[in-house]
Amino acid sequence: MKNLNRFIEHTNLKPTITRKDVDLLIKEAKEHQFVGVCVPPFWVKRAQREIGDSDVQLVTVVGFPIGYNMTEIKMEEMKLAIRDGADELDLVMNVSAFKDGMLWPKIEFAKSSKLCHEEGKILKVIIETAYLSDEEILIACKLCNDAGVDFVKTSTGLAPEGAKIEHIKLMRGVLPSSVGIKASGGIKTYEQAIALINAGADRLGTSSGVEIMKESQKLSYD
């Protein structure tokens, strides 16, 4: 697939990540011209220095991985990430509050959108599809859209299941074209990547970006 690399956010959110891993992640992202890299908040400042003036977007996570921090804590995380150089923020939804039927998640999304957009940044919300029914996925997507979120993301990658084609189709069916979809969690192969893009994904969060690109290049030569 032409320009597959521009769908990929090269990701390393492992608890064992070191500065060498961060540097390698960015080196690979530059070599393959990936759209972005996603690193833990602790490493945002270093990642920003290593990215330099390249067009690789710097992504980090907020409220990771469970999402049931208080909104005030998440807002402070965002401010620090933006201060350190993050371009895009992936906010974990409070699934606990969502399941309880509270308005809290929508209010949190709206506050987060306002903060990000005032700073010229992009907000993605991780709804963690593995824990939601199809109906709940639709409701969560509508809340995100109403609150001005830029992307809705499937997973942290730490839940029992990650991105599924049927969920991407479901999300694309309810979200307007102005709201992107980031598929993440368990994306390991070129075949998976293409299937998710064809289902409606605009971004792919994966730690297997290099392997996927190698597979893509091999197939183009066969």
N, C-alpha and C. Protein backbone atom coordinates (compact mmCIF):
# COMPACT_ATOMS: atom_id res chain seq x y z
N MET A 1 0.84 -1.20 0.00
CA MET A 1 0.00 0.00 0.00
C MET A 1 0.88 1.25 0.00
N LYS A 2 0.61 2.17 -0.90
CA LYS A 2 1.36 3.41 -0.99
C LYS A 2 1.11 4.27 0.26
N ASN A 3 2.19 4.83 0.78
CA ASN A 3 2.12 5.73 1.94
C ASN A 3 1.60 5.06 3.21
N LEU A 4 1.77 3.75 3.32
CA LEU A 4 1.38 3.05 4.55
C LEU A 4 2.10 3.65 5.76
N ASN A 5 3.33 4.08 5.56
CA ASN A 5 4.12 4.64 6.66
C ASN A 5 3.45 5.86 7.29
N ARG A 6 2.65 6.58 6.51
CA ARG A 6 2.01 7.80 7.02
C ARG A 6 0.78 7.51 7.88
N PHE A 7 0.46 6.23 8.04
CA PHE A 7 -0.61 5.83 8.96
C PHE A 7 -0.03 5.40 10.32
N ILE A 8 1.27 5.15 10.36
CA ILE A 8 1.86 4.47 11.51
C ILE A 8 2.42 5.42 12.56
N GLU A 9 1.98 5.23 13.81
CA GLU A 9 2.60 5.85 14.97
C GLU A 9 3.47 4.78 15.62
N HIS A 10 4.77 4.96 15.51
CA HIS A 10 5.75 4.01 16.02
C HIS A 10 5.75 4.11 17.55
N THR A 11 5.44 3.02 18.23
CA THR A 11 5.10 3.09 19.66
C THR A 11 5.97 2.21 20.54
N ASN A 12 6.37 2.77 21.68
CA ASN A 12 7.00 1.97 22.73
C ASN A 12 6.54 2.51 24.07
N LEU A 13 5.62 1.79 24.71
CA LEU A 13 5.11 2.18 26.03
C LEU A 13 5.43 1.11 27.08
N LYS A 14 6.48 0.34 26.79
CA LYS A 14 6.87 -0.72 27.73
C LYS A 14 7.43 -0.11 29.01
N PRO A 15 7.16 -0.76 30.16
CA PRO A 15 7.70 -0.24 31.43
C PRO A 15 9.22 -0.30 31.49
N THR A 16 9.84 -1.09 30.62
CA THR A 16 11.30 -1.24 30.63
C THR A 16 12.00 -0.32 29.62
N ILE A 17 11.28 0.59 29.00
CA ILE A 17 11.86 1.46 27.99
C ILE A 17 13.00 2.29 28.57
N THR A 18 14.11 2.41 27.83
CA THR A 18 15.26 3.20 28.25
C THR A 18 15.54 4.27 27.20
N ARG A 19 16.52 5.14 27.47
CA ARG A 19 16.84 6.20 26.52
C ARG A 19 17.30 5.63 25.18
N LYS A 20 17.99 4.48 25.22
CA LYS A 20 18.42 3.84 23.97
C LYS A 20 17.21 3.42 23.15
N ASP A 21 16.17 2.93 23.82
CA ASP A 21 14.94 2.54 23.12
C ASP A 21 14.25 3.75 22.51
N VAL A 22 14.23 4.86 23.26
CA VAL A 22 13.61 6.09 22.75
C VAL A 22 14.36 6.57 21.51
N ASP A 23 15.67 6.59 21.60
CA ASP A 23 16.48 7.06 20.47
C ASP A 23 16.30 6.17 19.25
N LEU A 24 16.24 4.86 19.48
CA LEU A 24 16.05 3.92 18.37
C LEU A 24 14.67 4.11 17.74
N LEU A 25 13.66 4.30 18.58
CA LEU A 25 12.29 4.49 18.10
C LEU A 25 12.24 5.69 17.14
N ILE A 26 12.87 6.77 17.54
CA ILE A 26 12.86 7.99 16.72
C ILE A 26 13.71 7.82 15.47
N LYS A 27 14.85 7.17 15.59
CA LYS A 27 15.70 6.90 14.43
C LYS A 27 14.92 6.11 13.38
N GLU A 28 14.20 5.07 13.82
CA GLU A 28 13.42 4.25 12.90
C GLU A 28 12.27 5.05 12.30
N ALA A 29 11.64 5.89 13.13
CA ALA A 29 10.53 6.71 12.62
C ALA A 29 11.00 7.66 11.53
N LYS A 30 12.17 8.24 11.71
CA LYS A 30 12.72 9.13 10.69
C LYS A 30 13.07 8.36 9.42
N GLU A 31 13.68 7.19 9.59
CA GLU A 31 14.09 6.39 8.43
C GLU A 31 12.90 5.97 7.58
N HIS A 32 11.81 5.59 8.25
CA HIS A 32 10.63 5.09 7.54
C HIS A 32 9.59 6.18 7.30
N GLN A 33 9.87 7.38 7.78
CA GLN A 33 8.96 8.52 7.62
C GLN A 33 7.57 8.23 8.19
N PHE A 34 7.58 7.63 9.40
CA PHE A 34 6.32 7.38 10.09
C PHE A 34 5.70 8.72 10.49
N VAL A 35 4.37 8.73 10.63
CA VAL A 35 3.69 9.97 10.98
C VAL A 35 4.05 10.44 12.39
N GLY A 36 4.35 9.49 13.29
CA GLY A 36 4.65 9.89 14.65
C GLY A 36 5.29 8.80 15.48
N VAL A 37 5.71 9.18 16.68
CA VAL A 37 6.18 8.23 17.69
C VAL A 37 5.37 8.45 18.96
N CYS A 38 5.12 7.38 19.68
CA CYS A 38 4.38 7.47 20.94
C CYS A 38 5.26 6.92 22.06
N VAL A 39 5.55 7.78 23.03
CA VAL A 39 6.43 7.42 24.15
C VAL A 39 5.75 7.76 25.47
N PRO A 40 6.22 7.16 26.57
CA PRO A 40 5.68 7.52 27.89
C PRO A 40 5.98 8.98 28.23
N PRO A 41 5.17 9.59 29.09
CA PRO A 41 5.36 11.00 29.45
C PRO A 41 6.77 11.32 29.94
N PHE A 42 7.36 10.40 30.68
CA PHE A 42 8.70 10.63 31.25
C PHE A 42 9.74 10.92 30.17
N TRP A 43 9.52 10.36 28.97
CA TRP A 43 10.52 10.46 27.90
C TRP A 43 10.17 11.50 26.84
N VAL A 44 9.14 12.28 27.06
CA VAL A 44 8.71 13.26 26.04
C VAL A 44 9.80 14.29 25.77
N LYS A 45 10.41 14.82 26.82
CA LYS A 45 11.41 15.88 26.63
C LYS A 45 12.59 15.38 25.81
N ARG A 46 13.08 14.18 26.12
CA ARG A 46 14.20 13.63 25.33
C ARG A 46 13.77 13.36 23.90
N ALA A 47 12.58 12.79 23.75
CA ALA A 47 12.08 12.48 22.41
C ALA A 47 11.98 13.75 21.56
N GLN A 48 11.53 14.83 22.19
CA GLN A 48 11.40 16.09 21.47
C GLN A 48 12.76 16.57 20.97
N ARG A 49 13.79 16.42 21.81
CA ARG A 49 15.14 16.83 21.40
C ARG A 49 15.64 15.97 20.24
N GLU A 50 15.37 14.66 20.30
CA GLU A 50 15.85 13.75 19.26
C GLU A 50 15.10 13.94 17.94
N ILE A 51 13.83 14.28 18.02
CA ILE A 51 13.04 14.52 16.80
C ILE A 51 13.54 15.76 16.08
N GLY A 52 13.93 16.77 16.84
CA GLY A 52 14.48 17.98 16.24
C GLY A 52 13.50 18.65 15.30
N ASP A 53 13.98 19.00 14.10
CA ASP A 53 13.13 19.71 13.14
C ASP A 53 12.48 18.80 12.11
N SER A 54 12.49 17.48 12.36
CA SER A 54 11.80 16.56 11.44
C SER A 54 10.30 16.70 11.62
N ASP A 55 9.53 16.13 10.68
CA ASP A 55 8.07 16.27 10.75
C ASP A 55 7.39 15.12 11.50
N VAL A 56 8.16 14.34 12.25
CA VAL A 56 7.60 13.26 13.07
C VAL A 56 6.83 13.87 14.23
N GLN A 57 5.56 13.49 14.38
CA GLN A 57 4.74 13.99 15.47
C GLN A 57 5.07 13.27 16.77
N LEU A 58 5.13 14.02 17.86
CA LEU A 58 5.45 13.43 19.16
C LEU A 58 4.16 13.23 19.95
N VAL A 59 3.89 11.97 20.25
CA VAL A 59 2.65 11.56 20.92
C VAL A 59 2.99 10.99 22.30
N THR A 60 2.16 11.29 23.29
CA THR A 60 2.30 10.65 24.59
C THR A 60 0.92 10.35 25.15
N VAL A 61 0.91 9.67 26.28
CA VAL A 61 -0.35 9.20 26.87
C VAL A 61 -0.67 9.96 28.16
N VAL A 62 -1.96 10.01 28.48
CA VAL A 62 -2.46 10.71 29.66
C VAL A 62 -3.43 9.80 30.40
N GLY A 63 -3.25 9.67 31.71
CA GLY A 63 -4.11 8.78 32.48
C GLY A 63 -3.86 7.32 32.17
N PHE A 64 -2.68 7.03 31.71
CA PHE A 64 -2.33 5.68 31.23
C PHE A 64 -1.92 4.79 32.40
N PRO A 65 -2.34 3.50 32.41
CA PRO A 65 -3.17 2.83 31.40
C PRO A 65 -4.64 2.63 31.80
N ILE A 66 -5.01 2.98 33.03
CA ILE A 66 -6.35 2.65 33.52
C ILE A 66 -7.36 3.76 33.25
N GLY A 67 -6.96 5.01 33.38
CA GLY A 67 -7.84 6.12 33.03
C GLY A 67 -8.73 6.64 34.12
N TYR A 68 -8.71 6.04 35.32
CA TYR A 68 -9.64 6.54 36.32
C TYR A 68 -9.00 7.49 37.34
N ASN A 69 -7.93 8.17 36.90
CA ASN A 69 -7.40 9.30 37.66
C ASN A 69 -8.45 10.41 37.67
N MET A 70 -8.35 11.30 38.63
CA MET A 70 -9.22 12.48 38.63
C MET A 70 -8.87 13.36 37.43
N THR A 71 -9.87 14.07 36.91
CA THR A 71 -9.66 14.92 35.74
C THR A 71 -8.56 15.95 35.99
N GLU A 72 -8.51 16.50 37.21
CA GLU A 72 -7.50 17.51 37.52
C GLU A 72 -6.08 16.95 37.34
N ILE A 73 -5.89 15.69 37.69
CA ILE A 73 -4.58 15.04 37.52
C ILE A 73 -4.26 14.91 36.03
N LYS A 74 -5.24 14.49 35.26
CA LYS A 74 -5.04 14.34 33.82
C LYS A 74 -4.70 15.68 33.16
N MET A 75 -5.38 16.72 33.60
CA MET A 75 -5.12 18.05 33.03
C MET A 75 -3.68 18.48 33.31
N GLU A 76 -3.20 18.20 34.51
CA GLU A 76 -1.82 18.55 34.83
C GLU A 76 -0.84 17.73 33.99
N GLU A 77 -1.17 16.45 33.77
CA GLU A 77 -0.33 15.61 32.90
C GLU A 77 -0.25 16.22 31.50
N MET A 78 -1.38 16.68 30.99
CA MET A 78 -1.41 17.29 29.66
C MET A 78 -0.54 18.54 29.60
N LYS A 79 -0.67 19.38 30.61
CA LYS A 79 0.11 20.62 30.63
C LYS A 79 1.60 20.34 30.64
N LEU A 80 2.02 19.34 31.42
CA LEU A 80 3.43 18.98 31.48
C LEU A 80 3.90 18.39 30.16
N ALA A 81 3.08 17.55 29.55
CA ALA A 81 3.44 16.94 28.27
C ALA A 81 3.58 18.00 27.18
N ILE A 82 2.66 18.95 27.17
CA ILE A 82 2.72 20.05 26.19
C ILE A 82 3.96 20.90 26.45
N ARG A 83 4.24 21.18 27.72
CA ARG A 83 5.45 21.93 28.08
C ARG A 83 6.71 21.25 27.56
N ASP A 84 6.72 19.92 27.65
CA ASP A 84 7.91 19.16 27.26
C ASP A 84 8.02 18.92 25.76
N GLY A 85 6.95 19.27 25.01
CA GLY A 85 7.07 19.19 23.56
C GLY A 85 6.12 18.24 22.84
N ALA A 86 5.15 17.67 23.54
CA ALA A 86 4.21 16.75 22.89
C ALA A 86 3.33 17.49 21.89
N ASP A 87 3.09 16.85 20.75
CA ASP A 87 2.19 17.39 19.72
C ASP A 87 0.79 16.82 19.84
N GLU A 88 0.70 15.57 20.31
CA GLU A 88 -0.59 14.88 20.39
C GLU A 88 -0.68 14.15 21.71
N LEU A 89 -1.88 14.15 22.31
CA LEU A 89 -2.09 13.54 23.62
C LEU A 89 -3.17 12.47 23.52
N ASP A 90 -2.84 11.27 23.97
CA ASP A 90 -3.77 10.14 23.95
C ASP A 90 -4.30 9.92 25.37
N LEU A 91 -5.53 10.36 25.59
CA LEU A 91 -6.16 10.36 26.91
C LEU A 91 -6.97 9.07 27.11
N VAL A 92 -6.70 8.38 28.21
CA VAL A 92 -7.45 7.16 28.52
C VAL A 92 -8.79 7.53 29.17
N MET A 93 -9.87 7.07 28.57
CA MET A 93 -11.21 7.33 29.11
C MET A 93 -11.38 6.68 30.49
N ASN A 94 -12.15 7.34 31.34
CA ASN A 94 -12.51 6.77 32.63
C ASN A 94 -13.65 5.77 32.39
N VAL A 95 -13.27 4.53 32.10
CA VAL A 95 -14.26 3.50 31.81
C VAL A 95 -15.16 3.25 33.01
N SER A 96 -14.61 3.39 34.20
CA SER A 96 -15.38 3.21 35.43
C SER A 96 -16.55 4.19 35.49
N ALA A 97 -16.27 5.47 35.27
CA ALA A 97 -17.32 6.49 35.29
C ALA A 97 -18.29 6.30 34.12
N PHE A 98 -17.74 5.92 32.96
CA PHE A 98 -18.58 5.69 31.78
C PHE A 98 -19.58 4.56 32.04
N LYS A 99 -19.08 3.47 32.60
CA LYS A 99 -19.95 2.31 32.89
C LYS A 99 -21.02 2.67 33.92
N ASP A 100 -20.72 3.63 34.78
CA ASP A 100 -21.68 4.04 35.81
C ASP A 100 -22.72 5.02 35.28
N GLY A 101 -22.57 5.40 34.01
CA GLY A 101 -23.54 6.29 33.40
C GLY A 101 -23.36 7.76 33.72
N MET A 102 -22.20 8.12 34.27
CA MET A 102 -21.95 9.52 34.63
C MET A 102 -21.69 10.39 33.40
N LEU A 103 -21.90 11.69 33.57
CA LEU A 103 -21.53 12.67 32.53
C LEU A 103 -20.04 13.00 32.59
N TRP A 104 -19.37 12.53 33.62
CA TRP A 104 -17.97 12.86 33.87
C TRP A 104 -17.08 12.69 32.64
N PRO A 105 -17.15 11.56 31.93
CA PRO A 105 -16.26 11.40 30.76
C PRO A 105 -16.44 12.50 29.72
N LYS A 106 -17.69 12.85 29.40
CA LYS A 106 -17.92 13.89 28.39
C LYS A 106 -17.36 15.23 28.84
N ILE A 107 -17.55 15.54 30.12
CA ILE A 107 -17.01 16.81 30.66
C ILE A 107 -15.49 16.79 30.60
N GLU A 108 -14.91 15.65 30.94
CA GLU A 108 -13.45 15.51 30.89
C GLU A 108 -12.94 15.66 29.45
N PHE A 109 -13.63 15.05 28.49
CA PHE A 109 -13.23 15.18 27.09
C PHE A 109 -13.28 16.64 26.64
N ALA A 110 -14.35 17.33 27.02
CA ALA A 110 -14.53 18.72 26.61
C ALA A 110 -13.44 19.61 27.20
N LYS A 111 -13.13 19.42 28.48
CA LYS A 111 -12.07 20.20 29.13
C LYS A 111 -10.72 19.92 28.48
N SER A 112 -10.48 18.65 28.18
CA SER A 112 -9.21 18.24 27.57
C SER A 112 -9.08 18.78 26.15
N SER A 113 -10.17 18.74 25.40
CA SER A 113 -10.18 19.29 24.04
C SER A 113 -9.85 20.78 24.07
N LYS A 114 -10.48 21.49 24.99
CA LYS A 114 -10.26 22.95 25.10
C LYS A 114 -8.79 23.23 25.39
N LEU A 115 -8.22 22.51 26.35
CA LEU A 115 -6.82 22.71 26.71
C LEU A 115 -5.90 22.42 25.52
N CYS A 116 -6.12 21.29 24.87
CA CYS A 116 -5.26 20.89 23.75
C CYS A 116 -5.37 21.88 22.59
N HIS A 117 -6.59 22.24 22.24
CA HIS A 117 -6.80 23.09 21.07
C HIS A 117 -6.31 24.52 21.30
N GLU A 118 -6.40 24.98 22.53
CA GLU A 118 -5.86 26.31 22.84
C GLU A 118 -4.34 26.34 22.66
N GLU A 119 -3.71 25.18 22.81
CA GLU A 119 -2.26 25.07 22.64
C GLU A 119 -1.87 24.56 21.25
N GLY A 120 -2.87 24.39 20.39
CA GLY A 120 -2.60 23.92 19.03
C GLY A 120 -2.22 22.45 18.96
N LYS A 121 -2.68 21.65 19.92
CA LYS A 121 -2.35 20.24 19.98
C LYS A 121 -3.56 19.37 19.60
N ILE A 122 -3.29 18.10 19.35
CA ILE A 122 -4.33 17.14 18.96
C ILE A 122 -4.66 16.23 20.14
N LEU A 123 -5.97 16.00 20.34
CA LEU A 123 -6.42 15.11 21.42
C LEU A 123 -7.04 13.84 20.84
N LYS A 124 -6.52 12.70 21.32
CA LYS A 124 -7.13 11.42 21.01
C LYS A 124 -7.65 10.82 22.32
N VAL A 125 -8.80 10.18 22.27
CA VAL A 125 -9.34 9.53 23.47
C VAL A 125 -9.34 8.03 23.26
N ILE A 126 -8.72 7.32 24.20
CA ILE A 126 -8.69 5.85 24.18
C ILE A 126 -9.92 5.34 24.92
N ILE A 127 -10.83 4.71 24.19
CA ILE A 127 -12.07 4.26 24.83
C ILE A 127 -11.97 2.83 25.36
N GLU A 128 -10.91 2.12 25.02
CA GLU A 128 -10.66 0.74 25.46
C GLU A 128 -11.82 -0.19 25.08
N THR A 129 -11.90 -0.46 23.80
CA THR A 129 -13.02 -1.23 23.24
C THR A 129 -13.17 -2.62 23.83
N ALA A 130 -12.09 -3.20 24.34
CA ALA A 130 -12.17 -4.55 24.90
C ALA A 130 -13.14 -4.64 26.07
N TYR A 131 -13.37 -3.51 26.74
CA TYR A 131 -14.23 -3.50 27.92
C TYR A 131 -15.64 -3.01 27.62
N LEU A 132 -15.93 -2.72 26.34
CA LEU A 132 -17.22 -2.12 25.98
C LEU A 132 -18.03 -3.03 25.06
N SER A 133 -19.35 -2.95 25.20
CA SER A 133 -20.24 -3.59 24.24
C SER A 133 -20.30 -2.74 22.98
N ASP A 134 -20.87 -3.28 21.91
CA ASP A 134 -21.01 -2.49 20.68
C ASP A 134 -21.80 -1.21 20.94
N GLU A 135 -22.86 -1.31 21.72
CA GLU A 135 -23.67 -0.13 22.03
C GLU A 135 -22.85 0.90 22.80
N GLU A 136 -22.03 0.44 23.74
CA GLU A 136 -21.21 1.35 24.53
C GLU A 136 -20.14 2.01 23.67
N ILE A 137 -19.60 1.27 22.69
CA ILE A 137 -18.63 1.86 21.77
C ILE A 137 -19.26 3.02 21.00
N LEU A 138 -20.48 2.82 20.54
CA LEU A 138 -21.19 3.88 19.81
C LEU A 138 -21.43 5.09 20.71
N ILE A 139 -21.85 4.85 21.94
CA ILE A 139 -22.11 5.95 22.87
C ILE A 139 -20.82 6.71 23.16
N ALA A 140 -19.73 5.98 23.41
CA ALA A 140 -18.45 6.62 23.70
C ALA A 140 -17.98 7.47 22.53
N CYS A 141 -18.15 6.96 21.31
CA CYS A 141 -17.76 7.71 20.13
C CYS A 141 -18.57 9.01 20.00
N LYS A 142 -19.85 8.92 20.28
CA LYS A 142 -20.70 10.12 20.21
C LYS A 142 -20.29 11.15 21.25
N LEU A 143 -19.94 10.69 22.45
CA LEU A 143 -19.47 11.60 23.49
C LEU A 143 -18.19 12.31 23.03
N CYS A 144 -17.29 11.55 22.43
CA CYS A 144 -16.03 12.12 21.94
C CYS A 144 -16.30 13.17 20.86
N ASN A 145 -17.17 12.85 19.94
CA ASN A 145 -17.49 13.78 18.86
C ASN A 145 -18.12 15.06 19.41
N ASP A 146 -19.07 14.91 20.31
CA ASP A 146 -19.75 16.07 20.89
C ASP A 146 -18.78 16.97 21.66
N ALA A 147 -17.74 16.35 22.23
CA ALA A 147 -16.80 17.11 23.05
C ALA A 147 -15.64 17.71 22.24
N GLY A 148 -15.62 17.48 20.95
CA GLY A 148 -14.60 18.08 20.10
C GLY A 148 -13.27 17.34 20.04
N VAL A 149 -13.31 16.06 20.34
CA VAL A 149 -12.10 15.23 20.27
C VAL A 149 -11.65 15.08 18.82
N ASP A 150 -10.34 15.01 18.59
CA ASP A 150 -9.81 14.89 17.22
C ASP A 150 -9.79 13.46 16.71
N PHE A 151 -9.44 12.51 17.59
CA PHE A 151 -9.39 11.09 17.24
C PHE A 151 -10.02 10.27 18.35
N VAL A 152 -10.60 9.13 17.98
CA VAL A 152 -11.00 8.13 18.96
C VAL A 152 -10.10 6.91 18.73
N LYS A 153 -9.54 6.41 19.81
CA LYS A 153 -8.54 5.33 19.74
C LYS A 153 -9.09 4.08 20.41
N THR A 154 -8.77 2.93 19.86
CA THR A 154 -9.37 1.68 20.34
C THR A 154 -8.85 1.21 21.69
N SER A 155 -7.53 1.29 21.90
CA SER A 155 -6.97 0.54 23.02
C SER A 155 -5.65 1.12 23.52
N THR A 156 -5.35 0.83 24.78
CA THR A 156 -4.03 1.12 25.33
C THR A 156 -3.01 0.09 24.87
N GLY A 157 -3.49 -1.05 24.43
CA GLY A 157 -2.60 -2.16 24.09
C GLY A 157 -2.38 -3.09 25.27
N LEU A 158 -2.95 -2.76 26.42
CA LEU A 158 -2.76 -3.56 27.62
C LEU A 158 -4.02 -4.29 28.05
N ALA A 159 -5.13 -4.04 27.35
CA ALA A 159 -6.39 -4.73 27.65
C ALA A 159 -6.36 -6.14 27.05
N PRO A 160 -7.34 -6.98 27.37
CA PRO A 160 -7.35 -8.35 26.84
C PRO A 160 -7.36 -8.43 25.32
N GLU A 161 -7.93 -7.41 24.66
CA GLU A 161 -7.97 -7.40 23.19
C GLU A 161 -7.66 -5.99 22.72
N GLY A 162 -7.09 -5.90 21.53
CA GLY A 162 -6.78 -4.61 20.95
C GLY A 162 -7.72 -4.27 19.81
N ALA A 163 -7.15 -3.72 18.74
CA ALA A 163 -7.95 -3.27 17.59
C ALA A 163 -8.60 -4.45 16.86
N LYS A 164 -9.89 -4.30 16.59
CA LYS A 164 -10.63 -5.32 15.83
C LYS A 164 -11.33 -4.63 14.67
N ILE A 165 -11.32 -5.31 13.54
CA ILE A 165 -11.90 -4.75 12.32
C ILE A 165 -13.36 -4.36 12.52
N GLU A 166 -14.12 -5.22 13.18
CA GLU A 166 -15.54 -4.94 13.37
C GLU A 166 -15.77 -3.69 14.22
N HIS A 167 -14.86 -3.44 15.17
CA HIS A 167 -14.99 -2.23 15.99
C HIS A 167 -14.64 -0.98 15.21
N ILE A 168 -13.63 -1.07 14.35
CA ILE A 168 -13.28 0.08 13.50
C ILE A 168 -14.44 0.44 12.58
N LYS A 169 -15.06 -0.56 11.99
CA LYS A 169 -16.22 -0.32 11.12
C LYS A 169 -17.36 0.32 11.90
N LEU A 170 -17.58 -0.17 13.11
CA LEU A 170 -18.63 0.36 13.97
C LEU A 170 -18.36 1.83 14.30
N MET A 171 -17.14 2.13 14.65
CA MET A 171 -16.75 3.49 15.00
C MET A 171 -16.85 4.42 13.79
N ARG A 172 -16.38 3.95 12.65
CA ARG A 172 -16.42 4.78 11.45
C ARG A 172 -17.85 5.08 11.03
N GLY A 173 -18.75 4.15 11.33
CA GLY A 173 -20.15 4.33 10.96
C GLY A 173 -20.85 5.42 11.74
N VAL A 174 -20.34 5.74 12.94
CA VAL A 174 -21.00 6.75 13.78
C VAL A 174 -20.22 8.06 13.84
N LEU A 175 -18.91 8.01 13.58
CA LEU A 175 -18.09 9.22 13.67
C LEU A 175 -18.06 9.95 12.33
N PRO A 176 -18.11 11.28 12.35
CA PRO A 176 -17.99 12.04 11.10
C PRO A 176 -16.56 11.95 10.57
N SER A 177 -16.38 12.29 9.32
CA SER A 177 -15.05 12.21 8.71
C SER A 177 -14.04 13.15 9.37
N SER A 178 -14.55 14.17 10.06
CA SER A 178 -13.67 15.13 10.73
C SER A 178 -13.02 14.56 11.98
N VAL A 179 -13.52 13.43 12.48
CA VAL A 179 -12.94 12.76 13.65
C VAL A 179 -12.21 11.51 13.19
N GLY A 180 -10.93 11.45 13.46
CA GLY A 180 -10.13 10.31 13.03
C GLY A 180 -10.29 9.12 13.96
N ILE A 181 -9.83 7.98 13.47
CA ILE A 181 -9.83 6.75 14.27
C ILE A 181 -8.41 6.22 14.33
N LYS A 182 -7.94 5.97 15.54
CA LYS A 182 -6.63 5.35 15.72
C LYS A 182 -6.83 3.93 16.22
N ALA A 183 -6.41 2.98 15.41
CA ALA A 183 -6.46 1.57 15.79
C ALA A 183 -5.15 1.24 16.51
N SER A 184 -5.26 0.61 17.66
CA SER A 184 -4.05 0.23 18.39
C SER A 184 -4.32 -1.03 19.20
N GLY A 185 -3.24 -1.73 19.49
CA GLY A 185 -3.35 -2.96 20.27
C GLY A 185 -3.28 -4.19 19.40
N GLY A 186 -2.17 -4.89 19.43
CA GLY A 186 -2.04 -6.17 18.75
C GLY A 186 -1.85 -6.11 17.25
N ILE A 187 -1.45 -4.95 16.71
CA ILE A 187 -1.25 -4.83 15.26
C ILE A 187 0.18 -5.25 14.94
N LYS A 188 0.33 -6.43 14.36
CA LYS A 188 1.65 -7.03 14.17
C LYS A 188 2.04 -7.25 12.71
N THR A 189 1.06 -7.32 11.81
CA THR A 189 1.35 -7.72 10.43
C THR A 189 0.83 -6.71 9.42
N TYR A 190 1.39 -6.79 8.23
CA TYR A 190 0.95 -5.96 7.11
C TYR A 190 -0.52 -6.23 6.80
N GLU A 191 -0.91 -7.49 6.82
CA GLU A 191 -2.29 -7.86 6.52
C GLU A 191 -3.26 -7.20 7.51
N GLN A 192 -2.92 -7.24 8.80
CA GLN A 192 -3.75 -6.58 9.80
C GLN A 192 -3.84 -5.08 9.55
N ALA A 193 -2.69 -4.48 9.26
CA ALA A 193 -2.64 -3.03 9.04
C ALA A 193 -3.55 -2.61 7.90
N ILE A 194 -3.46 -3.30 6.79
CA ILE A 194 -4.27 -2.96 5.61
C ILE A 194 -5.75 -3.17 5.90
N ALA A 195 -6.08 -4.26 6.59
CA ALA A 195 -7.48 -4.55 6.90
C ALA A 195 -8.08 -3.45 7.79
N LEU A 196 -7.31 -2.97 8.75
CA LEU A 196 -7.80 -1.93 9.65
C LEU A 196 -7.96 -0.59 8.92
N ILE A 197 -7.02 -0.29 8.05
CA ILE A 197 -7.13 0.94 7.24
C ILE A 197 -8.36 0.87 6.34
N ASN A 198 -8.55 -0.27 5.70
CA ASN A 198 -9.71 -0.44 4.81
C ASN A 198 -11.02 -0.37 5.58
N ALA A 199 -10.98 -0.73 6.86
CA ALA A 199 -12.19 -0.67 7.69
C ALA A 199 -12.51 0.76 8.14
N GLY A 200 -11.50 1.66 8.03
CA GLY A 200 -11.76 3.05 8.39
C GLY A 200 -10.76 3.71 9.31
N ALA A 201 -9.68 3.00 9.68
CA ALA A 201 -8.68 3.59 10.57
C ALA A 201 -7.84 4.63 9.83
N ASP A 202 -7.55 5.73 10.52
CA ASP A 202 -6.71 6.79 9.97
C ASP A 202 -5.29 6.74 10.52
N ARG A 203 -5.13 6.10 11.65
CA ARG A 203 -3.82 5.93 12.29
C ARG A 203 -3.72 4.50 12.82
N LEU A 204 -2.47 4.03 12.90
CA LEU A 204 -2.19 2.72 13.48
C LEU A 204 -1.12 2.89 14.55
N GLY A 205 -1.47 2.62 15.79
CA GLY A 205 -0.50 2.65 16.87
C GLY A 205 0.08 1.26 17.04
N THR A 206 1.37 1.09 16.76
CA THR A 206 1.96 -0.24 16.80
C THR A 206 3.45 -0.19 17.14
N SER A 207 3.91 -1.20 17.83
CA SER A 207 5.35 -1.35 18.09
C SER A 207 6.01 -2.18 17.00
N SER A 208 5.22 -2.59 16.01
CA SER A 208 5.73 -3.43 14.92
C SER A 208 5.81 -2.69 13.59
N GLY A 209 5.93 -1.37 13.65
CA GLY A 209 5.93 -0.57 12.43
C GLY A 209 7.02 -0.95 11.45
N VAL A 210 8.23 -1.17 11.96
CA VAL A 210 9.35 -1.51 11.08
C VAL A 210 9.10 -2.85 10.40
N GLU A 211 8.64 -3.83 11.17
CA GLU A 211 8.36 -5.15 10.60
C GLU A 211 7.25 -5.08 9.55
N ILE A 212 6.23 -4.27 9.82
CA ILE A 212 5.13 -4.11 8.87
C ILE A 212 5.63 -3.49 7.57
N MET A 213 6.50 -2.50 7.67
CA MET A 213 7.04 -1.86 6.47
C MET A 213 7.93 -2.82 5.69
N LYS A 214 8.71 -3.63 6.38
CA LYS A 214 9.55 -4.62 5.70
C LYS A 214 8.69 -5.63 4.95
N GLU A 215 7.59 -6.04 5.59
CA GLU A 215 6.67 -6.98 4.95
C GLU A 215 6.02 -6.34 3.73
N SER A 216 5.67 -5.06 3.86
CA SER A 216 5.08 -4.32 2.75
C SER A 216 6.04 -4.24 1.57
N GLN A 217 7.29 -3.94 1.85
CA GLN A 217 8.30 -3.83 0.79
C GLN A 217 8.56 -5.18 0.13
N LYS A 218 8.57 -6.22 0.92
CA LYS A 218 8.79 -7.56 0.39
C LYS A 218 7.66 -7.94 -0.57
N LEU A 219 6.42 -7.64 -0.17
CA LEU A 219 5.27 -7.97 -1.00
C LEU A 219 5.28 -7.18 -2.32
N SER A 220 5.79 -5.95 -2.26
CA SER A 220 5.82 -5.12 -3.47
C SER A 220 6.84 -5.64 -4.47
N TYR A 221 7.85 -6.40 -3.96
CA TYR A 221 8.87 -6.95 -4.85
C TYR A 221 8.47 -8.31 -5.42
N ASP A 222 7.55 -8.99 -4.72
CA ASP A 222 7.13 -10.34 -5.17
C ASP A 222 6.27 -10.27 -6.43
